Amino acid sequence: MSSLTRQVGGDHYTGMKYQPVAFASKMRYNFIQGSILKYVSRYPLKNGVEDLAKAMHFCELGVDTKPVNFALPTDEEAQKYVKKNGFDKEMEELISDITNQFWIGIADKILKIKERVYGTKK
């Protein structure tokens, strides 16, 4: 049994056809990139606006800590992640920003999601 087929505490990851941890590992994301991906991928399935706030916090940590970026510069894998999980173009663009550590773009997209989905930027 693969560790990707089970989850401790919920099913918000095992319900995804392409899990954030598998994508982040394949893309060689650092901790901050992986954390942002995790929270923006699961927000509709778990903690909603709180997960988006957590993603925003990791974006701020990226600005402050300036982590090394080992991510592979490929859109093909991101497109596969988006398609398999039924995400939209907005998510594909957000993943591109995560891959490139474009912190301002990430923050802007998270705020737009919060406003669109929850009617608030806070």
N, C-alpha and C. Protein backbone atom coordinates (compact mmCIF):
# COMPACT_ATOMS: atom_id res chain seq x y z
N MET A 1 0.84 -1.18 0.00
CA MET A 1 0.00 0.00 0.00
C MET A 1 0.88 1.24 0.00
N SER A 2 0.63 2.15 -0.92
CA SER A 2 1.37 3.41 -1.00
C SER A 2 0.92 4.36 0.10
N SER A 3 1.85 5.12 0.63
CA SER A 3 1.50 6.11 1.65
C SER A 3 0.57 7.19 1.07
N LEU A 4 0.52 7.32 -0.25
CA LEU A 4 -0.37 8.29 -0.87
C LEU A 4 -1.83 7.84 -0.90
N THR A 5 -2.07 6.57 -0.58
CA THR A 5 -3.44 6.06 -0.59
C THR A 5 -4.10 6.15 0.78
N ARG A 6 -3.36 6.59 1.78
CA ARG A 6 -3.96 6.76 3.11
C ARG A 6 -3.59 8.13 3.65
N GLN A 7 -4.42 8.59 4.59
CA GLN A 7 -4.20 9.90 5.18
C GLN A 7 -4.63 9.87 6.62
N VAL A 8 -3.87 10.52 7.47
CA VAL A 8 -4.23 10.65 8.87
C VAL A 8 -5.03 11.93 9.02
N GLY A 9 -6.27 11.82 9.46
CA GLY A 9 -7.10 13.00 9.70
C GLY A 9 -7.74 13.60 8.46
N GLY A 10 -8.72 12.95 7.92
CA GLY A 10 -9.46 13.51 6.80
C GLY A 10 -9.19 12.80 5.49
N ASP A 11 -9.73 13.37 4.42
CA ASP A 11 -9.53 12.79 3.09
C ASP A 11 -9.31 13.86 2.03
N HIS A 12 -8.96 15.06 2.48
CA HIS A 12 -8.80 16.18 1.55
C HIS A 12 -7.61 16.01 0.61
N TYR A 13 -6.66 15.16 0.93
CA TYR A 13 -5.56 14.88 0.01
C TYR A 13 -5.80 13.59 -0.77
N THR A 14 -6.22 12.55 -0.08
CA THR A 14 -6.42 11.27 -0.77
C THR A 14 -7.53 11.36 -1.81
N GLY A 15 -8.40 12.35 -1.69
CA GLY A 15 -9.45 12.56 -2.68
C GLY A 15 -8.94 13.24 -3.96
N MET A 16 -7.72 13.72 -3.92
CA MET A 16 -7.13 14.37 -5.10
C MET A 16 -6.48 13.31 -5.98
N LYS A 17 -6.65 13.45 -7.28
CA LYS A 17 -6.04 12.48 -8.21
C LYS A 17 -4.54 12.66 -8.31
N TYR A 18 -4.05 13.87 -8.06
CA TYR A 18 -2.61 14.17 -8.08
C TYR A 18 -2.36 15.00 -6.83
N GLN A 19 -1.81 14.37 -5.81
CA GLN A 19 -1.67 15.01 -4.52
C GLN A 19 -0.58 16.08 -4.51
N PRO A 20 -0.79 17.13 -3.71
CA PRO A 20 0.20 18.21 -3.62
C PRO A 20 1.61 17.71 -3.26
N VAL A 21 1.71 16.77 -2.35
CA VAL A 21 3.04 16.29 -1.95
C VAL A 21 3.75 15.60 -3.11
N ALA A 22 3.03 14.86 -3.94
CA ALA A 22 3.64 14.19 -5.09
C ALA A 22 4.10 15.23 -6.12
N PHE A 23 3.26 16.22 -6.37
CA PHE A 23 3.62 17.27 -7.32
C PHE A 23 4.80 18.09 -6.81
N ALA A 24 4.75 18.50 -5.54
CA ALA A 24 5.82 19.31 -4.96
C ALA A 24 7.15 18.56 -4.99
N SER A 25 7.10 17.27 -4.71
CA SER A 25 8.33 16.46 -4.75
C SER A 25 8.87 16.36 -6.17
N LYS A 26 7.99 16.09 -7.11
CA LYS A 26 8.41 15.96 -8.51
C LYS A 26 9.01 17.27 -9.03
N MET A 27 8.43 18.39 -8.60
CA MET A 27 8.89 19.70 -9.04
C MET A 27 10.10 20.21 -8.25
N ARG A 28 10.49 19.50 -7.20
CA ARG A 28 11.60 19.89 -6.31
C ARG A 28 11.33 21.21 -5.59
N TYR A 29 10.09 21.38 -5.15
CA TYR A 29 9.73 22.58 -4.40
C TYR A 29 10.44 22.59 -3.06
N ASN A 30 10.78 23.78 -2.57
CA ASN A 30 11.29 23.90 -1.21
C ASN A 30 10.10 23.90 -0.25
N PHE A 31 10.38 23.98 1.04
CA PHE A 31 9.34 23.89 2.06
C PHE A 31 8.27 24.97 1.89
N ILE A 32 8.68 26.18 1.63
CA ILE A 32 7.72 27.28 1.51
C ILE A 32 6.85 27.10 0.27
N GLN A 33 7.43 26.76 -0.85
CA GLN A 33 6.64 26.53 -2.06
C GLN A 33 5.65 25.38 -1.84
N GLY A 34 6.12 24.28 -1.25
CA GLY A 34 5.25 23.14 -1.00
C GLY A 34 4.11 23.46 -0.06
N SER A 35 4.41 24.27 0.94
CA SER A 35 3.37 24.65 1.91
C SER A 35 2.29 25.51 1.24
N ILE A 36 2.72 26.46 0.42
CA ILE A 36 1.73 27.29 -0.28
C ILE A 36 0.87 26.42 -1.18
N LEU A 37 1.52 25.54 -1.94
CA LEU A 37 0.78 24.64 -2.82
C LEU A 37 -0.24 23.82 -2.04
N LYS A 38 0.18 23.27 -0.92
CA LYS A 38 -0.70 22.45 -0.09
C LYS A 38 -1.95 23.24 0.32
N TYR A 39 -1.75 24.43 0.83
CA TYR A 39 -2.89 25.20 1.33
C TYR A 39 -3.81 25.70 0.23
N VAL A 40 -3.26 26.14 -0.89
CA VAL A 40 -4.16 26.62 -1.96
C VAL A 40 -4.86 25.46 -2.65
N SER A 41 -4.27 24.28 -2.60
CA SER A 41 -4.90 23.11 -3.22
C SER A 41 -6.04 22.56 -2.36
N ARG A 42 -5.90 22.66 -1.06
CA ARG A 42 -6.90 22.02 -0.19
C ARG A 42 -7.97 22.97 0.34
N TYR A 43 -7.82 24.29 0.15
CA TYR A 43 -8.74 25.22 0.81
C TYR A 43 -10.21 24.91 0.56
N PRO A 44 -10.62 24.49 -0.67
CA PRO A 44 -12.05 24.23 -0.83
C PRO A 44 -12.50 22.93 -0.16
N LEU A 45 -11.54 22.08 0.21
CA LEU A 45 -11.86 20.77 0.77
C LEU A 45 -11.70 20.70 2.28
N LYS A 46 -11.02 21.69 2.88
CA LYS A 46 -10.74 21.59 4.30
C LYS A 46 -11.12 22.85 5.06
N ASN A 47 -10.24 23.83 5.13
CA ASN A 47 -10.45 24.96 6.04
C ASN A 47 -10.76 26.29 5.37
N GLY A 48 -11.07 26.28 4.10
CA GLY A 48 -11.52 27.49 3.42
C GLY A 48 -10.58 28.67 3.55
N VAL A 49 -11.14 29.78 4.01
CA VAL A 49 -10.40 31.04 4.08
C VAL A 49 -9.18 30.92 5.01
N GLU A 50 -9.25 30.07 6.03
CA GLU A 50 -8.10 29.88 6.92
C GLU A 50 -6.91 29.29 6.16
N ASP A 51 -7.17 28.34 5.27
CA ASP A 51 -6.08 27.77 4.46
C ASP A 51 -5.48 28.82 3.53
N LEU A 52 -6.31 29.70 2.99
CA LEU A 52 -5.78 30.77 2.14
C LEU A 52 -4.94 31.74 2.97
N ALA A 53 -5.34 31.99 4.21
CA ALA A 53 -4.54 32.85 5.10
C ALA A 53 -3.20 32.19 5.41
N LYS A 54 -3.21 30.88 5.60
CA LYS A 54 -1.96 30.16 5.85
C LYS A 54 -1.05 30.23 4.62
N ALA A 55 -1.63 30.10 3.44
CA ALA A 55 -0.84 30.22 2.21
C ALA A 55 -0.23 31.61 2.11
N MET A 56 -1.01 32.62 2.45
CA MET A 56 -0.51 33.99 2.42
C MET A 56 0.63 34.18 3.41
N HIS A 57 0.52 33.57 4.58
CA HIS A 57 1.58 33.67 5.57
C HIS A 57 2.87 33.05 5.03
N PHE A 58 2.77 31.92 4.37
CA PHE A 58 3.96 31.29 3.79
C PHE A 58 4.53 32.16 2.67
N CYS A 59 3.69 32.87 1.97
CA CYS A 59 4.16 33.81 0.95
C CYS A 59 5.00 34.91 1.61
N GLU A 60 4.51 35.42 2.73
CA GLU A 60 5.26 36.44 3.48
C GLU A 60 6.58 35.86 3.99
N LEU A 61 6.57 34.60 4.42
CA LEU A 61 7.81 33.94 4.85
C LEU A 61 8.80 33.84 3.70
N GLY A 62 8.28 33.61 2.50
CA GLY A 62 9.14 33.56 1.32
C GLY A 62 9.82 34.89 1.08
N VAL A 63 9.07 35.98 1.24
CA VAL A 63 9.65 37.32 1.07
C VAL A 63 10.75 37.54 2.10
N ASP A 64 10.47 37.17 3.35
CA ASP A 64 11.41 37.44 4.45
C ASP A 64 12.63 36.53 4.45
N THR A 65 12.45 35.25 4.07
CA THR A 65 13.56 34.30 4.19
C THR A 65 14.33 34.09 2.89
N LYS A 66 13.73 34.49 1.78
CA LYS A 66 14.37 34.33 0.46
C LYS A 66 14.97 32.92 0.27
N PRO A 67 14.13 31.89 0.30
CA PRO A 67 14.64 30.53 0.19
C PRO A 67 15.22 30.22 -1.19
N VAL A 68 16.13 29.28 -1.22
CA VAL A 68 16.70 28.82 -2.48
C VAL A 68 15.59 28.15 -3.29
N ASN A 69 15.58 28.39 -4.58
CA ASN A 69 14.57 27.80 -5.46
C ASN A 69 15.20 26.68 -6.28
N PHE A 70 14.79 25.45 -6.00
CA PHE A 70 15.26 24.29 -6.74
C PHE A 70 14.24 23.81 -7.77
N ALA A 71 13.10 24.50 -7.87
CA ALA A 71 11.98 24.04 -8.69
C ALA A 71 12.36 23.91 -10.16
N LEU A 72 11.81 22.89 -10.77
CA LEU A 72 12.01 22.67 -12.20
C LEU A 72 11.13 23.64 -12.99
N PRO A 73 11.68 24.31 -13.96
CA PRO A 73 10.89 25.28 -14.74
C PRO A 73 10.09 24.61 -15.85
N THR A 74 9.01 23.95 -15.48
CA THR A 74 8.20 23.27 -16.49
C THR A 74 6.72 23.54 -16.26
N ASP A 75 6.04 23.89 -17.32
CA ASP A 75 4.59 24.11 -17.24
C ASP A 75 3.83 22.81 -17.48
N GLU A 76 4.47 21.85 -18.12
CA GLU A 76 3.80 20.60 -18.47
C GLU A 76 3.30 19.86 -17.23
N GLU A 77 4.14 19.75 -16.23
CA GLU A 77 3.74 19.04 -15.00
C GLU A 77 2.66 19.81 -14.26
N ALA A 78 2.76 21.13 -14.26
CA ALA A 78 1.73 21.97 -13.62
C ALA A 78 0.39 21.78 -14.32
N GLN A 79 0.41 21.72 -15.64
CA GLN A 79 -0.83 21.51 -16.39
C GLN A 79 -1.45 20.15 -16.05
N LYS A 80 -0.60 19.15 -15.87
CA LYS A 80 -1.08 17.82 -15.49
C LYS A 80 -1.72 17.87 -14.09
N TYR A 81 -1.08 18.55 -13.15
CA TYR A 81 -1.59 18.69 -11.78
C TYR A 81 -2.95 19.39 -11.79
N VAL A 82 -3.04 20.47 -12.55
CA VAL A 82 -4.28 21.24 -12.65
C VAL A 82 -5.40 20.39 -13.27
N LYS A 83 -5.10 19.75 -14.37
CA LYS A 83 -6.11 18.96 -15.08
C LYS A 83 -6.60 17.78 -14.24
N LYS A 84 -5.68 17.03 -13.66
CA LYS A 84 -6.09 15.85 -12.88
C LYS A 84 -6.94 16.22 -11.68
N ASN A 85 -6.70 17.39 -11.10
CA ASN A 85 -7.44 17.80 -9.91
C ASN A 85 -8.64 18.70 -10.22
N GLY A 86 -8.88 18.97 -11.50
CA GLY A 86 -10.02 19.78 -11.88
C GLY A 86 -9.91 21.24 -11.49
N PHE A 87 -8.68 21.74 -11.37
CA PHE A 87 -8.48 23.14 -11.04
C PHE A 87 -8.64 23.99 -12.30
N ASP A 88 -8.75 25.29 -12.11
CA ASP A 88 -8.96 26.19 -13.24
C ASP A 88 -7.67 26.90 -13.66
N LYS A 89 -7.79 27.76 -14.64
CA LYS A 89 -6.66 28.52 -15.18
C LYS A 89 -6.02 29.40 -14.11
N GLU A 90 -6.84 29.94 -13.23
CA GLU A 90 -6.34 30.77 -12.13
C GLU A 90 -5.34 29.97 -11.28
N MET A 91 -5.67 28.71 -11.00
CA MET A 91 -4.78 27.86 -10.22
C MET A 91 -3.50 27.56 -11.00
N GLU A 92 -3.62 27.34 -12.29
CA GLU A 92 -2.43 27.08 -13.11
C GLU A 92 -1.47 28.28 -13.06
N GLU A 93 -2.02 29.48 -13.13
CA GLU A 93 -1.19 30.68 -13.04
C GLU A 93 -0.58 30.84 -11.65
N LEU A 94 -1.34 30.49 -10.63
CA LEU A 94 -0.83 30.54 -9.26
C LEU A 94 0.33 29.56 -9.08
N ILE A 95 0.19 28.37 -9.63
CA ILE A 95 1.27 27.38 -9.54
C ILE A 95 2.52 27.87 -10.26
N SER A 96 2.35 28.54 -11.37
CA SER A 96 3.49 29.11 -12.08
C SER A 96 4.22 30.12 -11.18
N ASP A 97 3.45 30.94 -10.48
CA ASP A 97 4.06 31.91 -9.56
C ASP A 97 4.77 31.21 -8.40
N ILE A 98 4.17 30.13 -7.89
CA ILE A 98 4.81 29.36 -6.81
C ILE A 98 6.13 28.80 -7.32
N THR A 99 6.12 28.21 -8.50
CA THR A 99 7.32 27.61 -9.08
C THR A 99 8.44 28.64 -9.22
N ASN A 100 8.07 29.85 -9.59
CA ASN A 100 9.06 30.91 -9.82
C ASN A 100 9.32 31.78 -8.60
N GLN A 101 8.70 31.44 -7.48
CA GLN A 101 8.82 32.21 -6.24
C GLN A 101 8.50 33.69 -6.48
N PHE A 102 7.44 33.93 -7.23
CA PHE A 102 6.97 35.28 -7.50
C PHE A 102 5.98 35.64 -6.40
N TRP A 103 6.51 36.04 -5.26
CA TRP A 103 5.72 36.22 -4.04
C TRP A 103 4.59 37.23 -4.21
N ILE A 104 4.84 38.32 -4.91
CA ILE A 104 3.80 39.34 -5.12
C ILE A 104 2.65 38.76 -5.95
N GLY A 105 2.99 38.01 -6.98
CA GLY A 105 1.96 37.38 -7.81
C GLY A 105 1.14 36.37 -7.03
N ILE A 106 1.81 35.60 -6.18
CA ILE A 106 1.11 34.62 -5.34
C ILE A 106 0.13 35.34 -4.42
N ALA A 107 0.61 36.36 -3.73
CA ALA A 107 -0.23 37.10 -2.79
C ALA A 107 -1.43 37.71 -3.51
N ASP A 108 -1.20 38.30 -4.67
CA ASP A 108 -2.28 38.92 -5.44
C ASP A 108 -3.33 37.88 -5.82
N LYS A 109 -2.90 36.72 -6.27
CA LYS A 109 -3.85 35.68 -6.69
C LYS A 109 -4.63 35.12 -5.51
N ILE A 110 -3.96 34.97 -4.36
CA ILE A 110 -4.67 34.49 -3.16
C ILE A 110 -5.74 35.50 -2.76
N LEU A 111 -5.40 36.78 -2.78
CA LEU A 111 -6.39 37.82 -2.45
C LEU A 111 -7.57 37.79 -3.41
N LYS A 112 -7.31 37.57 -4.68
CA LYS A 112 -8.39 37.50 -5.67
C LYS A 112 -9.29 36.29 -5.43
N ILE A 113 -8.68 35.16 -5.06
CA ILE A 113 -9.48 33.97 -4.74
C ILE A 113 -10.35 34.25 -3.52
N LYS A 114 -9.76 34.83 -2.47
CA LYS A 114 -10.53 35.13 -1.25
C LYS A 114 -11.70 36.06 -1.56
N GLU A 115 -11.45 37.07 -2.38
CA GLU A 115 -12.52 38.01 -2.71
C GLU A 115 -13.61 37.33 -3.54
N ARG A 116 -13.19 36.53 -4.53
CA ARG A 116 -14.15 35.86 -5.40
C ARG A 116 -14.98 34.83 -4.64
N VAL A 117 -14.33 34.02 -3.82
CA VAL A 117 -15.00 32.91 -3.15
C VAL A 117 -15.71 33.35 -1.87
N TYR A 118 -15.06 34.23 -1.10
CA TYR A 118 -15.58 34.59 0.23
C TYR A 118 -16.05 36.04 0.34
N GLY A 119 -15.86 36.81 -0.74
CA GLY A 119 -16.30 38.20 -0.72
C GLY A 119 -15.45 39.12 0.15
N THR A 120 -14.23 38.68 0.46
CA THR A 120 -13.36 39.49 1.30
C THR A 120 -11.91 39.33 0.90
N LYS A 121 -11.13 40.36 1.14
CA LYS A 121 -9.69 40.28 0.91
C LYS A 121 -8.95 40.02 2.22
N LYS A 122 -9.63 40.16 3.34
CA LYS A 122 -8.99 40.01 4.66
C LYS A 122 -8.71 38.57 4.97
